[in-house]
C-alpha atoms as a PDB file:
ATOM      1  CA  MET A   1      96.802  62.037  71.319  1.00  0.00           C
ATOM      2  CA  GLU A   2      93.156  62.815  70.967  1.00  0.00           C
ATOM      3  CA  ARG A   3      90.958  60.678  68.904  1.00  0.00           C
ATOM      4  CA  ASP A   4      89.905  63.382  66.417  1.00  0.00           C
ATOM      5  CA  GLU A   5      93.941  64.032  65.943  1.00  0.00           C
ATOM      6  CA  TYR A   6      94.510  60.698  64.116  1.00  0.00           C
ATOM      7  CA  CYS A   7      94.645  60.849  60.392  1.00  0.00           C
ATOM      8  CA  GLY A   8      94.651  56.756  60.341  1.00  0.00           C
ATOM      9  CA  VAL A   9      95.845  53.611  61.511  1.00  0.00           C
ATOM     10  CA  LEU A  10      99.352  51.982  61.579  1.00  0.00           C
ATOM     11  CA  LEU A  11      99.133  48.076  61.629  1.00  0.00           C
ATOM     12  CA  ILE A  12     102.140  46.417  63.126  1.00  0.00           C
ATOM     13  CA  GLY A  13     102.548  42.829  62.601  1.00  0.00           C
ATOM     14  CA  ASP A  14     103.742  40.044  65.027  1.00  0.00           C
ATOM     15  CA  PRO A  15     106.793  41.485  66.995  1.00  0.00           C
ATOM     16  CA  HIS A  16     107.471  37.955  68.725  1.00  0.00           C
ATOM     17  CA  ILE A  17     109.114  39.774  71.837  1.00  0.00           C
ATOM     18  CA  GLU A  18     111.475  37.426  73.826  1.00  0.00           C
ATOM     19  CA  GLY A  19     114.361  37.672  76.254  1.00  0.00           C
ATOM     20  CA  ARG A  20     116.528  35.111  74.155  1.00  0.00           C
ATOM     21  CA  VAL A  21     118.200  35.074  70.528  1.00  0.00           C
ATOM     22  CA  PRO A  22     115.966  32.552  68.196  1.00  0.00           C
ATOM     23  CA  GLY A  23     117.021  30.471  65.024  1.00  0.00           C
ATOM     24  CA  PHE A  24     120.315  31.202  63.870  1.00  0.00           C
ATOM     25  CA  ARG A  25     120.393  35.167  64.248  1.00  0.00           C
ATOM     26  CA  LYS A  26     123.850  36.376  65.543  1.00  0.00           C
ATOM     27  CA  ASP A  27     122.664  39.789  67.254  1.00  0.00           C
ATOM     28  CA  ASP A  28     121.005  40.828  70.280  1.00  0.00           C
ATOM     29  CA  TYR A  29     117.611  39.786  69.229  1.00  0.00           C
ATOM     30  CA  PRO A  30     115.739  41.131  72.278  1.00  0.00           C
ATOM     31  CA  LYS A  31     117.068  44.650  72.149  1.00  0.00           C
ATOM     32  CA  VAL A  32     116.775  44.632  68.481  1.00  0.00           C
ATOM     33  CA  VAL A  33     112.983  43.878  68.289  1.00  0.00           C
ATOM     34  CA  LEU A  34     112.245  46.279  71.125  1.00  0.00           C
ATOM     35  CA  GLU A  35     113.760  49.119  68.888  1.00  0.00           C
ATOM     36  CA  LYS A  36     111.943  48.124  65.810  1.00  0.00           C
ATOM     37  CA  LEU A  37     108.761  48.501  68.052  1.00  0.00           C
ATOM     38  CA  ARG A  38     109.816  51.723  69.617  1.00  0.00           C
ATOM     39  CA  TRP A  39     110.551  52.977  65.938  1.00  0.00           C
ATOM     40  CA  CYS A  40     107.017  52.017  64.867  1.00  0.00           C
ATOM     41  CA  LEU A  41     105.338  53.573  67.696  1.00  0.00           C
ATOM     42  CA  LYS A  42     107.463  56.753  67.277  1.00  0.00           C
ATOM     43  CA  THR A  43     106.238  56.701  63.512  1.00  0.00           C
ATOM     44  CA  ALA A  44     102.756  56.118  64.697  1.00  0.00           C
ATOM     45  CA  GLU A  45     103.010  59.434  66.823  1.00  0.00           C
ATOM     46  CA  GLU A  46     104.903  61.769  64.334  1.00  0.00           C
ATOM     47  CA  GLN A  47     102.294  60.603  61.589  1.00  0.00           C
ATOM     48  CA  GLN A  48      99.364  61.075  63.813  1.00  0.00           C
ATOM     49  CA  LEU A  49      98.485  57.137  63.203  1.00  0.00           C
ATOM     50  CA  LEU A  50      96.853  54.887  65.629  1.00  0.00           C
ATOM     51  CA  PRO A  51      98.928  51.703  66.373  1.00  0.00           C
ATOM     52  CA  VAL A  52      97.508  48.620  66.166  1.00  0.00           C
ATOM     53  CA  ILE A  53      99.385  45.216  66.846  1.00  0.00           C
ATOM     54  CA  LEU A  54      98.135  42.344  64.724  1.00  0.00           C
ATOM     55  CA  GLY A  55      98.628  39.605  67.633  1.00  0.00           C
ATOM     56  CA  ASP A  56     101.978  37.723  69.021  1.00  0.00           C
ATOM     57  CA  LEU A  57     103.090  40.713  70.788  1.00  0.00           C
ATOM     58  CA  PHE A  58     105.235  37.963  72.663  1.00  0.00           C
ATOM     59  CA  HIS A  59     106.830  34.804  71.516  1.00  0.00           C
ATOM     60  CA  VAL A  60     106.312  32.783  74.431  1.00  0.00           C
ATOM     61  CA  PRO A  61     102.974  33.406  76.725  1.00  0.00           C
ATOM     62  CA  ARG A  62     104.582  33.336  80.155  1.00  0.00           C
ATOM     63  CA  ASP A  63     107.820  33.361  82.130  1.00  0.00           C
ATOM     64  CA  ASN A  64     108.808  36.613  79.939  1.00  0.00           C
ATOM     65  CA  GLN A  65     111.507  38.205  81.885  1.00  0.00           C
ATOM     66  CA  ASN A  66     110.735  41.132  84.079  1.00  0.00           C
ATOM     67  CA  TRP A  67     113.127  43.465  82.367  1.00  0.00           C
ATOM     68  CA  LEU A  68     111.108  43.018  79.168  1.00  0.00           C
ATOM     69  CA  LEU A  69     107.673  43.779  80.940  1.00  0.00           C
ATOM     70  CA  TYR A  70     109.385  47.005  82.381  1.00  0.00           C
ATOM     71  CA  GLU A  71     110.548  47.926  79.156  1.00  0.00           C
ATOM     72  CA  LEU A  72     106.977  47.537  77.449  1.00  0.00           C
ATOM     73  CA  LEU A  73     105.098  49.318  80.203  1.00  0.00           C
ATOM     74  CA  ALA A  74     107.231  52.122  79.526  1.00  0.00           C
ATOM     75  CA  LEU A  75     107.293  51.962  76.003  1.00  0.00           C
ATOM     76  CA  PHE A  76     103.583  51.984  75.886  1.00  0.00           C
ATOM     77  CA  GLU A  77     103.281  55.321  77.164  1.00  0.00           C
ATOM     78  CA  SER A  78     100.244  55.959  75.217  1.00  0.00           C
ATOM     79  CA  PRO A  79      97.983  53.063  75.332  1.00  0.00           C
ATOM     80  CA  VAL A  80      98.495  50.406  72.040  1.00  0.00           C
ATOM     81  CA  TYR A  81      95.424  48.611  70.417  1.00  0.00           C
ATOM     82  CA  GLY A  82      95.495  45.212  69.139  1.00  0.00           C
ATOM     83  CA  ILE A  83      94.639  41.583  69.364  1.00  0.00           C
ATOM     84  CA  TYR A  84      96.190  38.452  70.940  1.00  0.00           C
ATOM     85  CA  GLY A  85      97.712  35.792  68.908  1.00  0.00           C
ATOM     86  CA  ASN A  86      98.477  31.979  69.343  1.00  0.00           C
ATOM     87  CA  HIS A  87     102.123  32.973  71.002  1.00  0.00           C
ATOM     88  CA  ASP A  88     100.409  35.177  73.373  1.00  0.00           C
ATOM     89  CA  CYS A  89      98.267  32.133  75.339  1.00  0.00           C
ATOM     90  CA  ARG A  90      99.122  28.944  76.282  1.00  0.00           C
ATOM     91  CA  GLU A  91      95.293  27.887  76.420  1.00  0.00           C
ATOM     92  CA  ASN A  92      94.093  28.785  73.275  1.00  0.00           C
ATOM     93  CA  GLN A  93      92.528  31.875  74.835  1.00  0.00           C
ATOM     94  CA  LEU A  94      94.202  34.862  76.846  1.00  0.00           C
ATOM     95  CA  ASN A  95      94.037  34.479  81.064  1.00  0.00           C
ATOM     96  CA  GLU A  96      95.485  35.833  83.793  1.00  0.00           C
ATOM     97  CA  HIS A  97      98.725  33.495  83.714  1.00  0.00           C
ATOM     98  CA  ASP A  98      99.863  35.094  80.474  1.00  0.00           C
ATOM     99  CA  THR A  99     102.163  37.868  80.322  1.00  0.00           C
ATOM    100  CA  LEU A 100     100.123  40.225  77.888  1.00  0.00           C
ATOM    101  CA  SER A 101      97.289  40.257  80.510  1.00  0.00           C
ATOM    102  CA  ILE A 102      99.578  42.177  82.794  1.00  0.00           C
ATOM    103  CA  LEU A 103      99.961  44.990  79.906  1.00  0.00           C
ATOM    104  CA  VAL A 104      96.086  44.455  79.363  1.00  0.00           C
ATOM    105  CA  GLN A 105      95.427  44.917  83.046  1.00  0.00           C
ATOM    106  CA  ALA A 106      97.178  47.783  83.387  1.00  0.00           C
ATOM    107  CA  GLY A 107      95.428  49.560  80.371  1.00  0.00           C
ATOM    108  CA  LYS A 108      98.383  49.693  78.157  1.00  0.00           C
ATOM    109  CA  TYR A 109      97.230  47.297  75.892  1.00  0.00           C
ATOM    110  CA  ARG A 110      93.699  47.549  74.913  1.00  0.00           C
ATOM    111  CA  LEU A 111      92.205  44.611  73.150  1.00  0.00           C
ATOM    112  CA  LEU A 112      89.792  44.948  70.005  1.00  0.00           C
ATOM    113  CA  SER A 113      87.036  42.744  69.552  1.00  0.00           C
ATOM    114  CA  GLU A 114      83.500  42.710  68.537  1.00  0.00           C
ATOM    115  CA  GLU A 115      82.482  44.052  71.692  1.00  0.00           C
ATOM    116  CA  THR A 116      85.165  46.592  72.166  1.00  0.00           C
ATOM    117  CA  PRO A 117      86.034  48.032  69.034  1.00  0.00           C
ATOM    118  CA  TRP A 118      87.961  51.615  68.877  1.00  0.00           C
ATOM    119  CA  ARG A 119      85.334  53.908  67.407  1.00  0.00           C
ATOM    120  CA  GLY A 120      86.245  57.644  66.693  1.00  0.00           C
ATOM    121  CA  THR A 121      87.018  60.125  64.203  1.00  0.00           C
ATOM    122  CA  MET A 122      89.895  60.327  61.660  1.00  0.00           C
ATOM    123  CA  ALA A 123      90.536  63.441  59.300  1.00  0.00           C
ATOM    124  CA  GLY A 124      86.840  64.309  60.077  1.00  0.00           C
ATOM    125  CA  ARG A 125      85.569  60.782  59.123  1.00  0.00           C
ATOM    126  CA  SER A 126      83.832  57.995  61.508  1.00  0.00           C
ATOM    127  CA  VAL A 127      85.851  55.020  61.882  1.00  0.00           C
ATOM    128  CA  MET A 128      85.537  51.775  63.426  1.00  0.00           C
ATOM    129  CA  ILE A 129      88.217  49.299  64.391  1.00  0.00           C
ATOM    130  CA  GLY A 130      87.580  45.812  65.449  1.00  0.00           C
ATOM    131  CA  GLY A 131      89.481  42.665  65.934  1.00  0.00           C
ATOM    132  CA  THR A 132      89.046  38.979  66.161  1.00  0.00           C
ATOM    133  CA  SER A 133      91.847  37.180  68.407  1.00  0.00           C
ATOM    134  CA  TRP A 134      93.461  34.032  67.663  1.00  0.00           C
ATOM    135  CA  GLY A 135      90.829  30.960  68.528  1.00  0.00           C
ATOM    136  CA  ARG A 136      87.935  33.071  68.148  1.00  0.00           C
ATOM    137  CA  LYS A 137      85.354  33.164  65.330  1.00  0.00           C
ATOM    138  CA  LEU A 138      85.481  35.786  62.715  1.00  0.00           C
ATOM    139  CA  PRO A 139      82.228  37.668  62.168  1.00  0.00           C
ATOM    140  CA  LYS A 140      79.843  37.257  59.061  1.00  0.00           C
ATOM    141  CA  ASN A 141      78.904  40.832  59.268  1.00  0.00           C
ATOM    142  CA  ILE A 142      79.358  43.965  61.304  1.00  0.00           C
ATOM    143  CA  GLU A 143      76.585  45.925  63.315  1.00  0.00           C
ATOM    144  CA  LEU A 144      77.487  49.750  62.948  1.00  0.00           C
ATOM    145  CA  GLY A 145      74.453  50.889  64.695  1.00  0.00           C
ATOM    146  CA  GLU A 146      72.234  53.566  63.791  1.00  0.00           C
ATOM    147  CA  GLY A 147      73.929  56.733  62.423  1.00  0.00           C
ATOM    148  CA  ASP A 148      77.024  54.833  61.629  1.00  0.00           C
ATOM    149  CA  GLU A 149      76.410  53.385  58.432  1.00  0.00           C
ATOM    150  CA  ARG A 150      78.814  55.357  56.375  1.00  0.00           C
ATOM    151  CA  SER A 151      81.648  54.695  58.916  1.00  0.00           C
ATOM    152  CA  LEU A 152      84.769  53.432  57.569  1.00  0.00           C
ATOM    153  CA  VAL A 153      85.498  49.970  59.124  1.00  0.00           C
ATOM    154  CA  ILE A 154      88.682  47.764  59.339  1.00  0.00           C
ATOM    155  CA  TRP A 155      89.239  44.610  61.164  1.00  0.00           C
ATOM    156  CA  VAL A 156      92.488  42.837  62.663  1.00  0.00           C
ATOM    157  CA  SER A 157      92.775  39.018  63.008  1.00  0.00           C
ATOM    158  CA  HIS A 158      95.105  36.473  63.593  1.00  0.00           C
ATOM    159  CA  HIS A 159      94.326  33.398  61.775  1.00  0.00           C
ATOM    160  CA  ASP A 160      95.577  30.905  59.210  1.00  0.00           C
ATOM    161  CA  LEU A 161      94.122  32.146  56.352  1.00  0.00           C
ATOM    162  CA  ILE A 162      94.191  30.478  52.891  1.00  0.00           C
ATOM    163  CA  VAL A 163      95.758  33.192  50.762  1.00  0.00           C
ATOM    164  CA  PRO A 164      98.297  32.912  47.830  1.00  0.00           C
ATOM    165  CA  GLY A 165     101.499  31.390  49.146  1.00  0.00           C
ATOM    166  CA  TYR A 166      99.783  29.826  52.348  1.00  0.00           C
ATOM    167  CA  GLU A 167      97.361  27.589  50.597  1.00  0.00           C
ATOM    168  CA  ASP A 168      98.866  24.436  51.983  1.00  0.00           C
ATOM    169  CA  GLN A 169      98.981  26.046  55.852  1.00  0.00           C
ATOM    170  CA  GLY A 170      95.660  27.945  55.755  1.00  0.00           C
ATOM    171  CA  HIS A 171      92.325  26.784  57.179  1.00  0.00           C
ATOM    172  CA  PHE A 172      90.098  29.636  56.597  1.00  0.00           C
ATOM    173  CA  LYS A 173      88.740  30.973  53.168  1.00  0.00           C
ATOM    174  CA  PRO A 174      88.508  34.928  53.344  1.00  0.00           C
ATOM    175  CA  TYR A 175      84.924  35.785  52.429  1.00  0.00           C
ATOM    176  CA  GLU A 176      82.953  39.588  52.219  1.00  0.00           C
ATOM    177  CA  ILE A 177      82.344  40.859  55.668  1.00  0.00           C
ATOM    178  CA  GLU A 178      79.274  42.987  55.241  1.00  0.00           C
ATOM    179  CA  GLY A 179      80.171  46.618  56.474  1.00  0.00           C
ATOM    180  CA  VAL A 180      84.289  45.916  56.451  1.00  0.00           C
ATOM    181  CA  ASP A 181      86.555  47.545  54.151  1.00  0.00           C
ATOM    182  CA  TYR A 182      89.625  45.792  54.959  1.00  0.00           C
ATOM    183  CA  VAL A 183      90.739  42.979  57.030  1.00  0.00           C
ATOM    184  CA  ILE A 184      94.375  42.863  58.090  1.00  0.00           C
ATOM    185  CA  ASN A 185      95.771  39.636  59.297  1.00  0.00           C
ATOM    186  CA  GLY A 186      98.613  38.900  61.384  1.00  0.00           C
ATOM    187  CA  HIS A 187     100.236  35.649  62.118  1.00  0.00           C
ATOM    188  CA  ILE A 188     101.763  34.964  58.581  1.00  0.00           C
ATOM    189  CA  HIS A 189     105.388  36.331  58.597  1.00  0.00           C
ATOM    190  CA  ARG A 190     105.547  37.259  55.424  1.00  0.00           C
ATOM    191  CA  ALA A 191     103.877  39.774  52.800  1.00  0.00           C
ATOM    192  CA  LEU A 192     101.237  37.825  50.676  1.00  0.00           C
ATOM    193  CA  GLU A 193      98.772  39.164  47.785  1.00  0.00           C
ATOM    194  CA  ASP A 194      95.529  40.316  48.800  1.00  0.00           C
ATOM    195  CA  VAL A 195      92.295  38.474  48.422  1.00  0.00           C
ATOM    196  CA  ILE A 196      89.400  40.706  47.394  1.00  0.00           C
ATOM    197  CA  LYS A 197      85.817  39.792  48.432  1.00  0.00           C
ATOM    198  CA  GLY A 198      82.956  41.986  47.451  1.00  0.00           C
ATOM    199  CA  GLN A 199      83.593  45.132  49.598  1.00  0.00           C
ATOM    200  CA  THR A 200      86.262  43.169  51.690  1.00  0.00           C
ATOM    201  CA  THR A 201      90.100  43.379  50.870  1.00  0.00           C
ATOM    202  CA  TRP A 202      91.980  40.949  52.780  1.00  0.00           C
ATOM    203  CA  VAL A 203      95.912  41.944  53.371  1.00  0.00           C
ATOM    204  CA  THR A 204      98.437  39.929  54.788  1.00  0.00           C
ATOM    205  CA  PRO A 205     101.528  42.356  55.752  1.00  0.00           C
ATOM    206  CA  GLY A 206     103.863  40.348  57.094  1.00  0.00           C
ATOM    207  CA  ASN A 207     105.844  40.944  60.435  1.00  0.00           C
ATOM    208  CA  ILE A 208     108.417  43.724  61.497  1.00  0.00           C
ATOM    209  CA  ILE A 209     111.108  41.215  62.232  1.00  0.00           C
ATOM    210  CA  ARG A 210     112.564  38.025  60.819  1.00  0.00           C
ATOM    211  CA  ARG A 211     112.692  35.391  63.148  1.00  0.00           C
ATOM    212  CA  SER A 212     114.227  32.328  61.131  1.00  0.00           C
ATOM    213  CA  ARG A 213     116.738  31.497  58.690  1.00  0.00           C
ATOM    214  CA  SER A 214     114.684  30.597  55.601  1.00  0.00           C
ATOM    215  CA  ASP A 215     114.505  31.838  51.834  1.00  0.00           C
ATOM    216  CA  ALA A 216     110.935  33.184  52.888  1.00  0.00           C
ATOM    217  CA  SER A 217     112.518  35.231  55.483  1.00  0.00           C
ATOM    218  CA  ARG A 218     115.601  36.434  53.388  1.00  0.00           C
ATOM    219  CA  ALA A 219     112.865  37.456  50.684  1.00  0.00           C
ATOM    220  CA  HIS A 220     110.783  39.528  53.337  1.00  0.00           C
ATOM    221  CA  ILE A 221     111.040  43.245  53.929  1.00  0.00           C
ATOM    222  CA  PRO A 222     110.315  43.890  57.447  1.00  0.00           C
ATOM    223  CA  SER A 223     107.436  46.797  57.512  1.00  0.00           C
ATOM    224  CA  VAL A 224     104.260  48.195  58.632  1.00  0.00           C
ATOM    225  CA  LEU A 225     101.160  48.867  57.004  1.00  0.00           C
ATOM    226  CA  LYS A 226      99.812  52.445  57.021  1.00  0.00           C
ATOM    227  CA  LEU A 227      95.891  53.077  56.247  1.00  0.00           C
ATOM    228  CA  GLU A 228      95.194  56.977  56.212  1.00  0.00           C
ATOM    229  CA  VAL A 229      91.945  58.371  55.860  1.00  0.00           C
ATOM    230  CA  THR A 230      90.842  60.636  52.967  1.00  0.00           C
ATOM    231  CA  ALA A 231      87.951  61.987  51.149  1.00  0.00           C
ATOM    232  CA  ASN A 232      87.542  58.804  49.270  1.00  0.00           C
ATOM    233  CA  GLY A 233      88.013  56.518  51.831  1.00  0.00           C
ATOM    234  CA  TRP A 234      91.065  54.624  52.545  1.00  0.00           C
ATOM    235  CA  GLU A 235      94.699  55.403  51.271  1.00  0.00           C
ATOM    236  CA  ARG A 236      97.108  52.392  51.556  1.00  0.00           C
ATOM    237  CA  SER A 237     101.014  52.598  51.684  1.00  0.00           C
ATOM    238  CA  VAL A 238     103.857  50.271  53.157  1.00  0.00           C
ATOM    239  CA  ILE A 239     106.555  51.690  55.324  1.00  0.00           C
ATOM    240  CA  GLU A 240     109.804  49.938  55.716  1.00  0.00           C
ATOM    241  CA  VAL A 241     110.941  49.132  58.953  1.00  0.00           C
ATOM    242  CA  PRO A 242     114.715  49.871  59.316  1.00  0.00           C
ATOM    243  CA  HIS A 243     116.806  46.617  59.241  1.00  0.00           C
ATOM    244  CA  GLN A 244     120.122  44.988  58.537  1.00  0.00           C
ATOM    245  CA  VAL A 245     120.545  42.899  55.250  1.00  0.00           C
ATOM    246  CA  PHE A 246     119.805  39.059  55.892  1.00  0.00           C
ATOM    247  CA  ASP A 247     123.457  38.208  55.951  1.00  0.00           C
ATOM    248  CA  GLU A 248     124.422  40.443  58.700  1.00  0.00           C
ATOM    249  CA  VAL A 249     121.762  38.957  60.708  1.00  0.00           C
ATOM    250  CA  PHE A 250     121.748  35.379  60.335  1.00  0.00           C
ATOM    251  CA  TYR A 251     124.324  32.959  60.241  1.00  0.00           C
ATOM    252  CA  GLU A 252     125.715  30.987  56.902  1.00  0.00           C
ATOM    253  CA  GLU A 253     123.912  27.728  56.729  1.00  0.00           C
ATOM    254  CA  VAL A 254     126.840  25.203  56.926  1.00  0.00           C
ATOM    255  CA  LEU A 255     126.730  22.784  53.860  1.00  0.00           C
ATOM    256  CA  GLU A 256     129.282  19.836  53.931  1.00  0.00           C
ATOM    257  CA  GLU A 257     129.863  17.294  51.298  1.00  0.00           C
ATOM    258  CA  THR A 258     130.377  13.562  51.012  1.00  0.00           C
ATOM    259  CA  GLU A 259     133.260  12.202  49.372  1.00  0.00           C
ATOM    260  CA  GLU A 260     130.711  11.692  46.450  1.00  0.00           C
ATOM    261  CA  GLY A 261     130.197  15.647  46.455  1.00  0.00           C
ATOM    262  CA  ILE A 262     126.715  15.014  47.564  1.00  0.00           C
ATOM    263  CA  PRO A 263     125.425  17.465  50.439  1.00  0.00           C
ATOM    264  CA  SER A 264     124.846  15.304  53.231  1.00  0.00           C
ATOM    265  CA  ALA A 265     122.065  16.004  55.683  1.00  0.00           C
ATOM    266  CA  PHE A 266     123.598  14.548  58.510  1.00  0.00           C
ATOM    267  CA  ILE A 267     127.041  16.202  58.403  1.00  0.00           C
ATOM    268  CA  SER A 268     125.873  19.790  57.414  1.00  0.00           C
ATOM    269  CA  GLY A 269     123.383  19.349  60.259  1.00  0.00           C
ATOM    270  CA  LEU A 270     125.948  18.435  62.662  1.00  0.00           C
ATOM    271  CA  ALA A 271     128.333  21.068  61.414  1.00  0.00           C
ATOM    272  CA  ASP A 272     125.513  23.723  62.067  1.00  0.00           C
ATOM    273  CA  LEU A 273     125.069  22.270  65.196  1.00  0.00           C
ATOM    274  CA  GLN A 274     128.620  22.522  66.453  1.00  0.00           C
ATOM    275  CA  SER A 275     129.184  25.884  65.176  1.00  0.00           C
ATOM    276  CA  ARG A 276     126.087  27.769  65.720  1.00  0.00           C
ATOM    277  CA  LYS A 277     125.136  27.784  69.513  1.00  0.00           C
ATOM    278  CA  THR A 278     121.803  29.642  69.760  1.00  0.00           C
ATOM    279  CA  ASP A 279     119.695  30.242  72.835  1.00  0.00           C
ATOM    280  CA  THR A 280     116.942  28.426  71.485  1.00  0.00           C
ATOM    281  CA  GLY A 281     118.632  25.438  70.425  1.00  0.00           C
ATOM    282  CA  ALA A 282     117.892  25.790  66.589  1.00  0.00           C
ATOM    283  CA  GLY A 283     121.056  23.886  65.501  1.00  0.00           C
ATOM    284  CA  LEU A 284     119.703  21.069  67.591  1.00  0.00           C
ATOM    285  CA  GLN A 285     116.320  21.159  65.949  1.00  0.00           C
ATOM    286  CA  LEU A 286     117.479  21.755  62.356  1.00  0.00           C
ATOM    287  CA  PHE A 287     119.705  18.554  62.843  1.00  0.00           C
ATOM    288  CA  LEU A 288     117.148  16.471  64.301  1.00  0.00           C
ATOM    289  CA  LYS A 289     114.566  17.274  61.726  1.00  0.00           C
ATOM    290  CA  LYS A 290     117.189  16.592  58.857  1.00  0.00           C
ATOM    291  CA  ASN A 291     117.823  13.210  60.477  1.00  0.00           C
ATOM    292  CA  LEU A 292     114.999  11.877  62.578  1.00  0.00           C
ATOM    293  CA  GLU A 293     112.988  10.254  59.480  1.00  0.00           C
ATOM    294  CA  GLN A 294     115.870   7.418  59.163  1.00  0.00           C
ATOM    295  CA  PHE A 295     114.601   5.817  62.511  1.00  0.00           C
ATOM    296  CA  GLU A 296     111.572   4.005  63.693  1.00  0.00           C
ATOM    297  CA  PRO A 297     108.953   6.453  65.103  1.00  0.00           C
ATOM    298  CA  SER A 298     109.202   5.143  68.622  1.00  0.00           C
ATOM    299  CA  ILE A 299     112.784   5.661  68.533  1.00  0.00           C
ATOM    300  CA  ALA A 300     112.571   9.205  66.889  1.00  0.00           C
ATOM    301  CA  ASP A 301     110.045  10.096  69.837  1.00  0.00           C
ATOM    302  CA  GLU A 302     112.503   9.271  72.278  1.00  0.00           C
ATOM    303  CA  ILE A 303     114.948  11.492  70.538  1.00  0.00           C
ATOM    304  CA  ARG A 304     112.461  14.205  70.383  1.00  0.00           C
ATOM    305  CA  LYS A 305     111.967  13.768  74.232  1.00  0.00           C
ATOM    306  CA  LEU A 306     115.637  13.910  74.991  1.00  0.00           C
ATOM    307  CA  ALA A 307     116.043  17.142  72.866  1.00  0.00           C
ATOM    308  CA  SER A 308     113.173  18.915  74.749  1.00  0.00           C
ATOM    309  CA  GLU A 309     115.013  18.179  78.186  1.00  0.00           C
ATOM    310  CA  VAL A 310     117.935  20.189  76.949  1.00  0.00           C
ATOM    311  CA  SER A 311     115.957  22.800  75.075  1.00  0.00           C
ATOM    312  CA  LYS A 312     112.859  24.908  76.125  1.00  0.00           C
ATOM    313  CA  ASP A 313     111.266  24.532  72.746  1.00  0.00           C
ATOM    314  CA  VAL A 314     109.903  20.936  72.128  1.00  0.00           C
ATOM    315  CA  VAL A 315     111.198  20.097  68.808  1.00  0.00           C
ATOM    316  CA  GLN A 316     108.772  18.856  66.375  1.00  0.00           C
END
């Protein structure tokens, strides 16, 4: 599509594409997540929206299967814009060894930054879309340039923001960015309350797929954020991404009780470990998480090292 044909922006949160089945999912995750991304891009095309990914296109930065890259090269028939997240790069910034760099070099994934924003016209209005990738410093203000003072501006980021529901894990406080209407932040996998600072509204839309079995994941509805340009500025809406109900996607948690009727972390963890064999070793990780505290730190560290030898994911 030509730039003047766009009506707005479709913001796609953290696909986390990978070739293995994560956590306690019981479906074919690689195919499911690719299908969700395909649906998002089709929706963007049908509604004349510019698709923008909020980082973490990949779950692991390197050694992704060739067939995944092949699928993405075909899927990104028209270039997709976005930023990189912490899962897209191994060394805290993107380089030639990371899989995402192949898509960037091929011109299929165009990185947004202060130096390389998207600029164009949407519904007759001048629009600018910039971005700050993982590990990069967020701007204090945006220089629009002469003649662009009336541009509509949105920014995308991938940071640990201090927002309602994420205060204990966040590190960056939202603030007013002069010239920016919306900051849309990835990284946080569930939709959280907006934070308004002056003219800037910080939005946490969550991601398009549920990776882990948790209460937060159960409550999250996979969706994308639509920002459409109108005569008065932006019109905002949420579009639900087709998905199955939680219990059809994840295995049930196995809970076993002791003779006294008290749930045992050891027994339930072991039951999960034996009954749920996942590609990422999620059962092993859960079992160790529930039980390592009873050991001395040095012993617990040795157990983690042994676990890392049988799982590609380092247990933390």
